[in-house]
């Protein structure tokens, strides 16, 4: 769980820099940029998939959801990792 939360907060910081320093909260331009560049779309997908994972990473959430449902939900980490890797490699190639 620690590694997942560390990755989530790193991605949150990365998204904050993109939102504040790169675009200064210009939401219309951010949406255009996300739709225009596939590597940014992949990064947004990775971050969006990490939100429910971070929110349900507590012991209380595991008890509340039950182990099987929690494990099914947390299988999203594989999709998120693939999207994050695509985001990185496509951004570097650009």
N, C-alpha and C. Protein backbone atom coordinates (compact mmCIF):
# COMPACT_ATOMS: atom_id res chain seq x y z
N UNK A 1 0.81 -1.21 0.00
CA UNK A 1 0.00 0.00 0.00
C UNK A 1 0.85 1.26 0.00
N UNK A 2 1.97 1.20 0.69
CA UNK A 2 2.81 2.40 0.75
C UNK A 2 3.30 2.81 -0.63
N UNK A 3 3.73 1.85 -1.42
CA UNK A 3 4.23 2.14 -2.76
C UNK A 3 3.11 2.74 -3.64
N UNK A 4 1.92 2.19 -3.52
CA UNK A 4 0.79 2.71 -4.29
C UNK A 4 0.43 4.13 -3.89
N UNK A 5 0.42 4.41 -2.59
CA UNK A 5 0.12 5.77 -2.14
C UNK A 5 1.23 6.74 -2.50
N UNK A 6 2.46 6.28 -2.44
CA UNK A 6 3.58 7.14 -2.86
C UNK A 6 3.45 7.48 -4.34
N UNK A 7 3.10 6.49 -5.16
CA UNK A 7 2.91 6.74 -6.59
C UNK A 7 1.75 7.70 -6.83
N UNK A 8 0.67 7.53 -6.06
CA UNK A 8 -0.49 8.42 -6.21
C UNK A 8 -0.11 9.86 -5.87
N UNK A 9 0.57 10.06 -4.77
CA UNK A 9 0.91 11.43 -4.37
C UNK A 9 1.98 12.05 -5.29
N UNK A 10 2.87 11.22 -5.84
CA UNK A 10 3.80 11.73 -6.83
C UNK A 10 3.04 12.18 -8.07
N UNK A 11 2.07 11.37 -8.52
CA UNK A 11 1.27 11.72 -9.69
C UNK A 11 0.42 12.96 -9.41
N UNK A 12 -0.08 13.10 -8.19
CA UNK A 12 -0.85 14.28 -7.82
C UNK A 12 0.03 15.53 -7.89
N UNK A 13 1.26 15.43 -7.44
CA UNK A 13 2.19 16.55 -7.55
C UNK A 13 2.51 16.87 -9.00
N UNK A 14 2.70 15.83 -9.80
CA UNK A 14 2.98 15.99 -11.22
C UNK A 14 1.81 16.69 -11.92
N UNK A 15 0.60 16.26 -11.60
CA UNK A 15 -0.61 16.87 -12.18
C UNK A 15 -0.76 18.31 -11.69
N UNK A 16 -0.41 18.58 -10.45
CA UNK A 16 -0.50 19.94 -9.92
C UNK A 16 0.44 20.88 -10.64
N UNK A 17 1.66 20.43 -10.90
CA UNK A 17 2.62 21.25 -11.65
C UNK A 17 2.08 21.52 -13.05
N UNK A 18 1.55 20.50 -13.69
CA UNK A 18 0.97 20.66 -15.03
C UNK A 18 -0.19 21.65 -15.02
N UNK A 19 -1.07 21.52 -14.03
CA UNK A 19 -2.26 22.37 -13.96
C UNK A 19 -1.91 23.81 -13.59
N UNK A 20 -1.01 23.99 -12.63
CA UNK A 20 -0.73 25.33 -12.10
C UNK A 20 0.38 26.02 -12.88
N UNK A 21 1.52 25.39 -13.01
CA UNK A 21 2.66 26.06 -13.62
C UNK A 21 2.59 26.08 -15.15
N UNK A 22 2.12 24.99 -15.74
CA UNK A 22 2.08 24.94 -17.20
C UNK A 22 0.88 25.70 -17.76
N UNK A 23 -0.28 25.56 -17.15
CA UNK A 23 -1.50 26.14 -17.72
C UNK A 23 -2.17 27.18 -16.84
N UNK A 24 -1.73 27.36 -15.61
CA UNK A 24 -2.30 28.32 -14.66
C UNK A 24 -3.83 28.26 -14.64
N UNK A 25 -4.36 27.05 -14.43
CA UNK A 25 -5.78 26.77 -14.25
C UNK A 25 -6.64 27.16 -15.47
N UNK A 26 -6.08 27.17 -16.65
CA UNK A 26 -6.84 27.44 -17.86
C UNK A 26 -7.49 26.12 -18.30
N UNK A 27 -8.66 25.83 -17.72
CA UNK A 27 -9.30 24.53 -17.87
C UNK A 27 -9.64 24.21 -19.33
N UNK A 28 -10.06 25.21 -20.09
CA UNK A 28 -10.37 24.96 -21.51
C UNK A 28 -9.13 24.47 -22.26
N UNK A 29 -8.00 25.11 -22.02
CA UNK A 29 -6.76 24.70 -22.68
C UNK A 29 -6.27 23.35 -22.17
N UNK A 30 -6.48 23.08 -20.90
CA UNK A 30 -6.08 21.78 -20.34
C UNK A 30 -6.87 20.67 -21.01
N UNK A 31 -8.18 20.86 -21.14
CA UNK A 31 -9.02 19.84 -21.78
C UNK A 31 -8.60 19.66 -23.23
N UNK A 32 -8.34 20.75 -23.94
CA UNK A 32 -7.87 20.65 -25.32
C UNK A 32 -6.56 19.88 -25.40
N UNK A 33 -5.64 20.18 -24.48
CA UNK A 33 -4.34 19.52 -24.46
C UNK A 33 -4.49 18.02 -24.19
N UNK A 34 -5.36 17.67 -23.26
CA UNK A 34 -5.58 16.26 -22.94
C UNK A 34 -6.15 15.52 -24.15
N UNK A 35 -7.09 16.14 -24.84
CA UNK A 35 -7.71 15.50 -26.00
C UNK A 35 -6.79 15.47 -27.22
N UNK A 36 -5.88 16.44 -27.30
CA UNK A 36 -5.01 16.55 -28.47
C UNK A 36 -3.79 15.64 -28.41
N UNK A 37 -3.23 15.45 -27.23
CA UNK A 37 -2.00 14.68 -27.08
C UNK A 37 -2.28 13.35 -26.39
N UNK A 38 -1.99 12.28 -27.08
CA UNK A 38 -2.28 10.94 -26.57
C UNK A 38 -1.50 10.63 -25.29
N UNK A 39 -0.28 11.13 -25.18
CA UNK A 39 0.51 10.83 -23.98
C UNK A 39 -0.08 11.50 -22.74
N UNK A 40 -0.69 12.65 -22.91
CA UNK A 40 -1.35 13.31 -21.77
C UNK A 40 -2.64 12.58 -21.42
N UNK A 41 -3.35 12.11 -22.44
CA UNK A 41 -4.56 11.31 -22.19
C UNK A 41 -4.21 10.07 -21.39
N UNK A 42 -3.13 9.40 -21.74
CA UNK A 42 -2.70 8.20 -21.00
C UNK A 42 -2.35 8.54 -19.56
N UNK A 43 -1.68 9.67 -19.34
CA UNK A 43 -1.35 10.09 -17.98
C UNK A 43 -2.59 10.41 -17.16
N UNK A 44 -3.55 11.07 -17.78
CA UNK A 44 -4.80 11.38 -17.07
C UNK A 44 -5.57 10.10 -16.74
N UNK A 45 -5.56 9.13 -17.66
CA UNK A 45 -6.20 7.85 -17.39
C UNK A 45 -5.54 7.16 -16.21
N UNK A 46 -4.22 7.15 -16.20
CA UNK A 46 -3.48 6.51 -15.10
C UNK A 46 -3.83 7.18 -13.78
N UNK A 47 -3.85 8.50 -13.76
CA UNK A 47 -4.16 9.21 -12.52
C UNK A 47 -5.59 8.97 -12.09
N UNK A 48 -6.52 9.02 -13.02
CA UNK A 48 -7.94 8.81 -12.69
C UNK A 48 -8.17 7.43 -12.11
N UNK A 49 -7.49 6.43 -12.64
CA UNK A 49 -7.64 5.07 -12.11
C UNK A 49 -7.01 4.92 -10.73
N UNK A 50 -6.04 5.76 -10.42
CA UNK A 50 -5.40 5.67 -9.10
C UNK A 50 -6.24 6.31 -7.99
N UNK A 51 -7.18 7.16 -8.34
CA UNK A 51 -7.99 7.83 -7.31
C UNK A 51 -8.76 6.83 -6.45
N UNK A 52 -9.58 5.92 -7.04
CA UNK A 52 -10.28 4.97 -6.17
C UNK A 52 -9.33 4.02 -5.43
N UNK A 53 -8.19 3.76 -6.02
CA UNK A 53 -7.22 2.90 -5.34
C UNK A 53 -6.67 3.58 -4.10
N UNK A 54 -6.35 4.87 -4.21
CA UNK A 54 -5.84 5.60 -3.05
C UNK A 54 -6.92 5.76 -1.98
N UNK A 55 -8.15 6.02 -2.42
CA UNK A 55 -9.23 6.21 -1.45
C UNK A 55 -9.59 4.94 -0.70
N UNK A 56 -9.36 3.78 -1.31
CA UNK A 56 -9.71 2.51 -0.66
C UNK A 56 -8.49 1.76 -0.18
N UNK A 57 -7.42 2.45 0.11
CA UNK A 57 -6.20 1.77 0.54
C UNK A 57 -6.12 1.56 2.05
N UNK A 58 -7.13 1.97 2.77
CA UNK A 58 -7.10 1.83 4.23
C UNK A 58 -7.61 0.46 4.67
N UNK A 59 -7.25 0.06 5.88
CA UNK A 59 -7.76 -1.20 6.43
C UNK A 59 -9.27 -1.17 6.56
N UNK A 60 -9.83 -0.01 6.88
CA UNK A 60 -11.27 0.13 6.99
C UNK A 60 -11.94 -0.17 5.65
N UNK A 61 -11.36 0.31 4.56
CA UNK A 61 -11.93 0.07 3.24
C UNK A 61 -11.87 -1.41 2.87
N UNK A 62 -10.81 -2.07 3.25
CA UNK A 62 -10.69 -3.50 2.97
C UNK A 62 -11.79 -4.26 3.71
N UNK A 63 -12.00 -3.91 4.97
CA UNK A 63 -13.07 -4.56 5.75
C UNK A 63 -14.44 -4.24 5.17
N UNK A 64 -14.65 -3.00 4.81
CA UNK A 64 -15.96 -2.55 4.31
C UNK A 64 -16.29 -3.19 2.96
N UNK A 65 -15.32 -3.24 2.06
CA UNK A 65 -15.56 -3.81 0.73
C UNK A 65 -15.52 -5.34 0.74
N UNK A 66 -14.80 -5.89 1.68
CA UNK A 66 -14.55 -7.33 1.67
C UNK A 66 -13.33 -7.61 0.82
N UNK A 67 -12.62 -8.63 1.17
CA UNK A 67 -11.35 -8.92 0.51
C UNK A 67 -11.47 -9.16 -0.99
N UNK A 68 -12.50 -9.92 -1.41
CA UNK A 68 -12.63 -10.25 -2.84
C UNK A 68 -12.96 -9.01 -3.66
N UNK A 69 -13.90 -8.20 -3.20
CA UNK A 69 -14.26 -6.97 -3.94
C UNK A 69 -13.10 -5.98 -3.95
N UNK A 70 -12.40 -5.89 -2.83
CA UNK A 70 -11.25 -4.98 -2.74
C UNK A 70 -10.17 -5.41 -3.74
N UNK A 71 -9.90 -6.72 -3.80
CA UNK A 71 -8.90 -7.23 -4.74
C UNK A 71 -9.31 -6.99 -6.19
N UNK A 72 -10.61 -7.16 -6.50
CA UNK A 72 -11.07 -6.89 -7.86
C UNK A 72 -10.88 -5.43 -8.21
N UNK A 73 -11.22 -4.53 -7.28
CA UNK A 73 -11.05 -3.10 -7.51
C UNK A 73 -9.57 -2.76 -7.70
N UNK A 74 -8.73 -3.33 -6.89
CA UNK A 74 -7.32 -3.00 -6.93
C UNK A 74 -6.57 -3.68 -8.08
N UNK A 75 -7.28 -4.48 -8.86
CA UNK A 75 -6.70 -4.98 -10.11
C UNK A 75 -6.56 -3.84 -11.12
N UNK A 76 -7.24 -2.71 -10.87
CA UNK A 76 -7.09 -1.53 -11.73
C UNK A 76 -5.65 -1.02 -11.74
N UNK A 77 -4.88 -1.42 -10.77
CA UNK A 77 -3.49 -0.96 -10.72
C UNK A 77 -2.72 -1.39 -11.96
N UNK A 78 -3.06 -2.53 -12.53
CA UNK A 78 -2.36 -3.01 -13.71
C UNK A 78 -2.63 -2.11 -14.92
N UNK A 79 -3.87 -1.72 -15.09
CA UNK A 79 -4.23 -0.80 -16.18
C UNK A 79 -3.56 0.55 -15.96
N UNK A 80 -3.56 1.00 -14.70
CA UNK A 80 -2.96 2.28 -14.36
C UNK A 80 -1.45 2.28 -14.64
N UNK A 81 -0.78 1.21 -14.31
CA UNK A 81 0.67 1.11 -14.55
C UNK A 81 0.97 1.12 -16.05
N UNK A 82 0.17 0.39 -16.82
CA UNK A 82 0.38 0.38 -18.27
C UNK A 82 0.18 1.78 -18.84
N UNK A 83 -0.89 2.46 -18.41
CA UNK A 83 -1.15 3.82 -18.89
C UNK A 83 -0.04 4.77 -18.47
N UNK A 84 0.46 4.62 -17.25
CA UNK A 84 1.55 5.49 -16.77
C UNK A 84 2.83 5.25 -17.57
N UNK A 85 3.12 4.01 -17.89
CA UNK A 85 4.32 3.71 -18.70
C UNK A 85 4.17 4.28 -20.10
N UNK A 86 3.00 4.13 -20.70
CA UNK A 86 2.76 4.73 -22.01
C UNK A 86 2.92 6.24 -21.95
N UNK A 87 2.38 6.85 -20.90
CA UNK A 87 2.51 8.30 -20.71
C UNK A 87 3.99 8.69 -20.70
N UNK A 88 4.78 7.97 -19.95
CA UNK A 88 6.21 8.29 -19.84
C UNK A 88 6.93 8.10 -21.16
N UNK A 89 6.77 6.94 -21.78
CA UNK A 89 7.52 6.63 -23.00
C UNK A 89 7.10 7.52 -24.16
N UNK A 90 5.80 7.76 -24.29
CA UNK A 90 5.34 8.65 -25.36
C UNK A 90 5.79 10.08 -25.14
N UNK A 91 5.84 10.52 -23.89
CA UNK A 91 6.29 11.88 -23.60
C UNK A 91 7.78 12.03 -23.89
N UNK A 92 8.56 11.02 -23.53
CA UNK A 92 10.00 11.06 -23.77
C UNK A 92 10.29 11.02 -25.26
N UNK A 93 9.55 10.20 -25.99
CA UNK A 93 9.76 10.09 -27.43
C UNK A 93 9.43 11.41 -28.12
N UNK A 94 8.45 12.13 -27.61
CA UNK A 94 8.04 13.40 -28.21
C UNK A 94 9.17 14.38 -28.06
